[in-house]
Amino acid sequence: MFLQLAVGPVFFLVLQITLQRTPLDGFCSVAAVTMVDYFYIFLAVAGAGKLIDKSGAVPVFRLIGVGVLLIFGIIMLVSAMSMTSESVFLQGAPDYRSSFLSAFFLTITSPLTIVFWSGLFAAKAVEQGYTKHMLAIFALSAGFATFFFLGGSVLIISILKVSIPFQVVKVLNISVGVVVLLYGARRAMVVSGSWKQGRGG
């Protein structure tokens, strides 16, 4: 649960979906994020993180992630700025398929998550002496923490959004797009710096 406090673009996407659509849309996006997290956790346990690191494919994955973040950020920002009718927000037309797929694709385009989970599981196994059974329980708990944290966020947002003025919602949506864009730009700078350092080496 402590790891979930490091909110990123996926959290803000779930926030935007819940605000603009319905609570069920929010839970569809949460289900997609949880599914991808479990997929990456499984790959991490299987040792895929070490293979990615050794193969030298990390820069490619970083570049893909940056591109997706920037595209999503632009789409979110344009969509938020075009909101003009309060009734559209209040009705919250559901689109479960879009809610699921948008969260799914944004989450799955961060394959370096495998490397993160691999390092975490290695630390648990080496430093704390976790057995395979204990690592399996930890993996299941880590994935469930995603669902618990994001699901709770969807519930809170769904309760509060009824009393939020339309203009505030519009500002929040614009802020989400800006945050995702800035996050993508920051990642682009990191990737660019790593690439220049690699060329210099």
Protein backbone atom coordinates (compact mmCIF):
# COMPACT_ATOMS: atom_id res chain seq x y z
CA MET A 1 0.00 0.00 0.00
CA PHE A 2 2.90 2.35 0.72
CA LEU A 3 4.12 1.90 -2.87
CA GLN A 4 0.70 3.02 -4.14
CA LEU A 5 1.24 6.49 -2.65
CA ALA A 6 3.66 7.25 -5.49
CA VAL A 7 0.81 8.30 -7.81
CA GLY A 8 1.57 8.76 -11.48
CA PRO A 9 -0.19 9.29 -14.82
CA VAL A 10 -2.27 6.11 -14.48
CA PHE A 11 -3.82 7.39 -11.26
CA PHE A 12 -4.69 10.69 -12.92
CA LEU A 13 -6.22 8.88 -15.90
CA VAL A 14 -8.47 6.88 -13.54
CA LEU A 15 -9.35 10.18 -11.84
CA GLN A 16 -10.33 11.76 -15.15
CA ILE A 17 -12.39 8.76 -16.29
CA THR A 18 -14.33 8.71 -13.02
CA LEU A 19 -15.01 12.44 -13.15
CA GLN A 20 -16.13 12.51 -16.78
CA ARG A 21 -18.08 9.25 -16.91
CA THR A 22 -19.58 6.89 -14.33
CA PRO A 23 -18.27 5.05 -11.25
CA LEU A 24 -18.48 1.78 -13.20
CA ASP A 25 -16.24 3.32 -15.86
CA GLY A 26 -13.78 4.12 -13.09
CA PHE A 27 -13.84 0.52 -11.87
CA CYS A 28 -13.36 -0.74 -15.44
CA SER A 29 -10.17 1.32 -15.64
CA VAL A 30 -9.10 0.03 -12.20
CA ALA A 31 -9.64 -3.55 -13.39
CA ALA A 32 -7.45 -2.87 -16.43
CA VAL A 33 -4.63 -1.38 -14.32
CA THR A 34 -4.79 -4.28 -11.85
CA MET A 35 -4.70 -6.82 -14.68
CA VAL A 36 -1.58 -5.26 -16.19
CA ASP A 37 0.09 -4.98 -12.79
CA TYR A 38 -0.46 -8.69 -12.15
CA PHE A 39 0.91 -9.45 -15.62
CA TYR A 40 4.08 -7.47 -14.95
CA ILE A 41 4.41 -8.95 -11.46
CA PHE A 42 4.22 -12.43 -12.97
CA LEU A 43 6.91 -11.54 -15.52
CA ALA A 44 9.07 -10.08 -12.76
CA VAL A 45 8.78 -13.26 -10.70
CA ALA A 46 9.63 -15.25 -13.83
CA GLY A 47 12.83 -13.23 -14.26
CA ALA A 48 11.85 -11.16 -17.31
CA GLY A 49 13.27 -8.02 -15.72
CA LYS A 50 16.80 -9.44 -15.77
CA LEU A 51 16.43 -10.42 -19.43
CA ILE A 52 15.28 -6.90 -20.40
CA ASP A 53 18.15 -5.32 -18.48
CA LYS A 54 20.77 -7.60 -20.04
CA SER A 55 19.38 -7.36 -23.58
CA GLY A 56 19.90 -3.59 -23.71
CA ALA A 57 16.23 -3.03 -24.59
CA VAL A 58 15.63 -0.67 -21.67
CA PRO A 59 16.16 2.54 -23.73
CA VAL A 60 13.65 1.33 -26.34
CA PHE A 61 11.02 0.64 -23.68
CA ARG A 62 11.67 4.05 -22.14
CA LEU A 63 11.20 5.74 -25.50
CA ILE A 64 7.90 3.93 -26.09
CA GLY A 65 6.68 4.92 -22.64
CA VAL A 66 7.57 8.58 -23.23
CA GLY A 67 5.74 8.64 -26.56
CA VAL A 68 2.57 7.17 -25.08
CA LEU A 69 2.64 9.58 -22.13
CA LEU A 70 2.95 12.60 -24.41
CA ILE A 71 0.16 11.40 -26.71
CA PHE A 72 -2.17 10.66 -23.79
CA GLY A 73 -1.33 14.02 -22.22
CA ILE A 74 -2.21 15.90 -25.41
CA ILE A 75 -5.47 13.95 -25.86
CA MET A 76 -6.47 14.58 -22.23
CA LEU A 77 -5.65 18.29 -22.47
CA VAL A 78 -7.54 18.83 -25.73
CA SER A 79 -10.53 16.86 -24.41
CA ALA A 80 -10.57 18.82 -21.15
CA MET A 81 -10.32 22.22 -22.84
CA SER A 82 -13.22 21.35 -25.18
CA MET A 83 -15.61 20.69 -22.26
CA THR A 84 -18.28 23.38 -22.47
CA SER A 85 -21.54 21.82 -21.28
CA GLU A 86 -22.21 21.12 -17.63
CA SER A 87 -24.91 18.66 -18.60
CA VAL A 88 -22.40 16.47 -20.40
CA PHE A 89 -20.41 16.07 -17.19
CA LEU A 90 -23.44 15.52 -15.00
CA GLN A 91 -24.92 12.83 -17.24
CA GLY A 92 -21.57 11.08 -17.46
CA ALA A 93 -22.29 8.93 -20.51
CA PRO A 94 -20.70 5.52 -19.85
CA ASP A 95 -18.14 4.00 -22.18
CA TYR A 96 -16.85 0.92 -20.39
CA ARG A 97 -14.80 -0.39 -23.29
CA SER A 98 -12.97 2.90 -23.80
CA SER A 99 -12.41 3.28 -20.05
CA PHE A 100 -10.89 -0.19 -19.82
CA LEU A 101 -8.73 0.06 -22.96
CA SER A 102 -7.35 3.55 -22.27
CA ALA A 103 -6.21 2.53 -18.78
CA PHE A 104 -4.94 -0.80 -20.10
CA PHE A 105 -2.76 0.72 -22.83
CA LEU A 106 -1.38 3.51 -20.67
CA THR A 107 -0.38 0.99 -17.99
CA ILE A 108 1.04 -1.66 -20.28
CA THR A 109 3.29 0.85 -22.06
CA SER A 110 5.44 1.07 -18.93
CA PRO A 111 7.31 -2.26 -19.26
CA LEU A 112 10.14 -1.03 -17.05
CA THR A 113 7.74 -1.86 -14.24
CA ILE A 114 9.05 -5.41 -14.65
CA VAL A 115 12.53 -4.23 -13.71
CA PHE A 116 11.14 -2.44 -10.66
CA TRP A 117 9.24 -5.51 -9.45
CA SER A 118 12.23 -7.75 -10.16
CA GLY A 119 14.43 -5.59 -7.94
CA LEU A 120 11.80 -5.53 -5.21
CA PHE A 121 11.31 -9.30 -5.23
CA ALA A 122 15.07 -9.88 -5.28
CA ALA A 123 15.43 -7.64 -2.23
CA LYS A 124 12.71 -9.57 -0.40
CA ALA A 125 14.29 -12.90 -1.30
CA VAL A 126 17.89 -11.97 -0.50
CA GLU A 127 17.65 -9.44 2.32
CA GLN A 128 14.60 -10.81 4.12
CA GLY A 129 14.91 -14.47 3.17
CA TYR A 130 11.49 -14.85 1.53
CA THR A 131 10.71 -18.34 0.26
CA LYS A 132 8.91 -18.95 -3.06
CA HIS A 133 5.65 -19.37 -1.17
CA MET A 134 6.16 -16.06 0.66
CA LEU A 135 7.08 -14.30 -2.60
CA ALA A 136 3.87 -15.62 -4.18
CA ILE A 137 1.80 -14.21 -1.31
CA PHE A 138 3.68 -10.90 -1.58
CA ALA A 139 3.02 -10.79 -5.34
CA LEU A 140 -0.72 -11.41 -4.88
CA SER A 141 -0.86 -8.75 -2.15
CA ALA A 142 1.04 -6.20 -4.26
CA GLY A 143 -1.40 -6.61 -7.15
CA PHE A 144 -4.42 -6.41 -4.85
CA ALA A 145 -3.03 -3.20 -3.32
CA THR A 146 -3.41 -1.59 -6.75
CA PHE A 147 -7.08 -2.55 -6.92
CA PHE A 148 -7.71 -1.53 -3.31
CA PHE A 149 -6.04 1.89 -3.62
CA LEU A 150 -7.47 2.84 -7.02
CA GLY A 151 -10.88 1.34 -6.23
CA GLY A 152 -11.05 3.37 -3.03
CA SER A 153 -10.08 6.47 -4.98
CA VAL A 154 -12.89 5.84 -7.47
CA LEU A 155 -15.41 5.52 -4.64
CA ILE A 156 -14.28 8.77 -3.01
CA ILE A 157 -14.26 10.68 -6.30
CA SER A 158 -17.71 9.31 -7.24
CA ILE A 159 -19.17 10.56 -3.95
CA LEU A 160 -17.55 13.98 -4.12
CA LYS A 161 -18.06 14.78 -7.81
CA VAL A 162 -21.78 15.46 -7.42
CA SER A 163 -20.99 18.54 -5.33
CA ILE A 164 -18.08 19.74 -7.48
CA PRO A 165 -18.92 22.71 -9.76
CA PHE A 166 -18.47 22.14 -13.48
CA GLN A 167 -15.73 24.76 -13.81
CA VAL A 168 -13.73 23.07 -11.06
CA VAL A 169 -14.09 19.74 -12.86
CA LYS A 170 -12.88 21.36 -16.08
CA VAL A 171 -9.84 22.82 -14.31
CA LEU A 172 -9.13 19.42 -12.74
CA ASN A 173 -9.31 17.72 -16.14
CA ILE A 174 -6.98 20.31 -17.66
CA SER A 175 -4.63 19.80 -14.71
CA VAL A 176 -4.63 16.04 -15.34
CA GLY A 177 -3.60 16.60 -18.97
CA VAL A 178 -0.87 19.03 -17.93
CA VAL A 179 0.45 16.64 -15.25
CA VAL A 180 0.65 13.74 -17.70
CA LEU A 181 2.37 15.97 -20.29
CA LEU A 182 4.89 17.23 -17.74
CA TYR A 183 5.54 13.69 -16.56
CA GLY A 184 6.11 12.61 -20.16
CA ALA A 185 8.43 15.58 -20.76
CA ARG A 186 10.38 14.75 -17.61
CA ARG A 187 10.74 11.14 -18.73
CA ALA A 188 11.86 12.37 -22.17
CA MET A 189 14.63 14.41 -20.54
CA VAL A 190 15.76 11.38 -18.55
CA VAL A 191 15.78 9.19 -21.67
CA SER A 192 17.64 11.87 -23.64
CA GLY A 193 20.23 12.21 -20.87
CA SER A 194 20.73 8.44 -20.69
CA TRP A 195 21.10 8.24 -24.48
CA LYS A 196 23.71 11.03 -24.58
CA GLN A 197 25.57 9.43 -21.70
CA GLY A 198 25.54 6.11 -23.53
CA ARG A 199 26.95 7.71 -26.67
CA GLY A 200 29.59 9.50 -24.65
CA GLY A 201 30.61 6.18 -23.08
